[in-house]
């Protein structure tokens, strides 16, 4: 880990534990064991450092999700049928990484909310990612309708919004309810969503498709 990476990682941990506003540049310098000159060699401000933290710990998630939907290796139906499997695995990996650093996922969510509230540029960037994700999901649904893999009697933009609402709802429930059965809920919602969009006759195998999608997206995430 080079100096810039160490600064970003240190800031990430402090921001999650205390909140962005409660952490000073001197706190980060002390925790990262660097000089003030070393800090300003890489970052001109705390806000700039926050952007770098979000680039690594938030925006990359958005990019991976966009890549999941835009890869041409698999059919629209396979991607849509297995989206909740993909997200569940991603969430489990993220929680393991948080636990390794003794960080609370709830505090991470609060950090993102604080960043969006404080800085217009971050709010616009997050909003831009969400709009891109809505578009690629709607495009995937539209292609599936054109190829006959999905039923044609639904609005693609509306269904894309429904999918992301389900995803965000599951995340919120798992975040604030320690008793929430995340695995079971993902699988139930996945079945409900697939039944909303599947054609009258569906022969896609969830297990085999997801195994291949998992392999492909491991390559995408590298």
Foldseek 3Di string as FASTA:
>chain_A
DDLLVLLLVLLLQCCLVPNLVVDDPVNSCVVSVHDPVSVCVNDVDSLRSVVVNCVPVPVLVLVLLLCLLPDPPDALLLSLLCVLVVVVVVVVVVVVVCVVVPGAVLSVVVNLVVSLVPDVVSVVVVVVSVVSQLVSQLVSLVVCCVVVQWPDPDRSSVLSVVVVVLVVVLVVCVRPDVPDPSVVSSVVVSVVSSVVIGDPDHDDDNVVSVVVSVVVSVVVSD
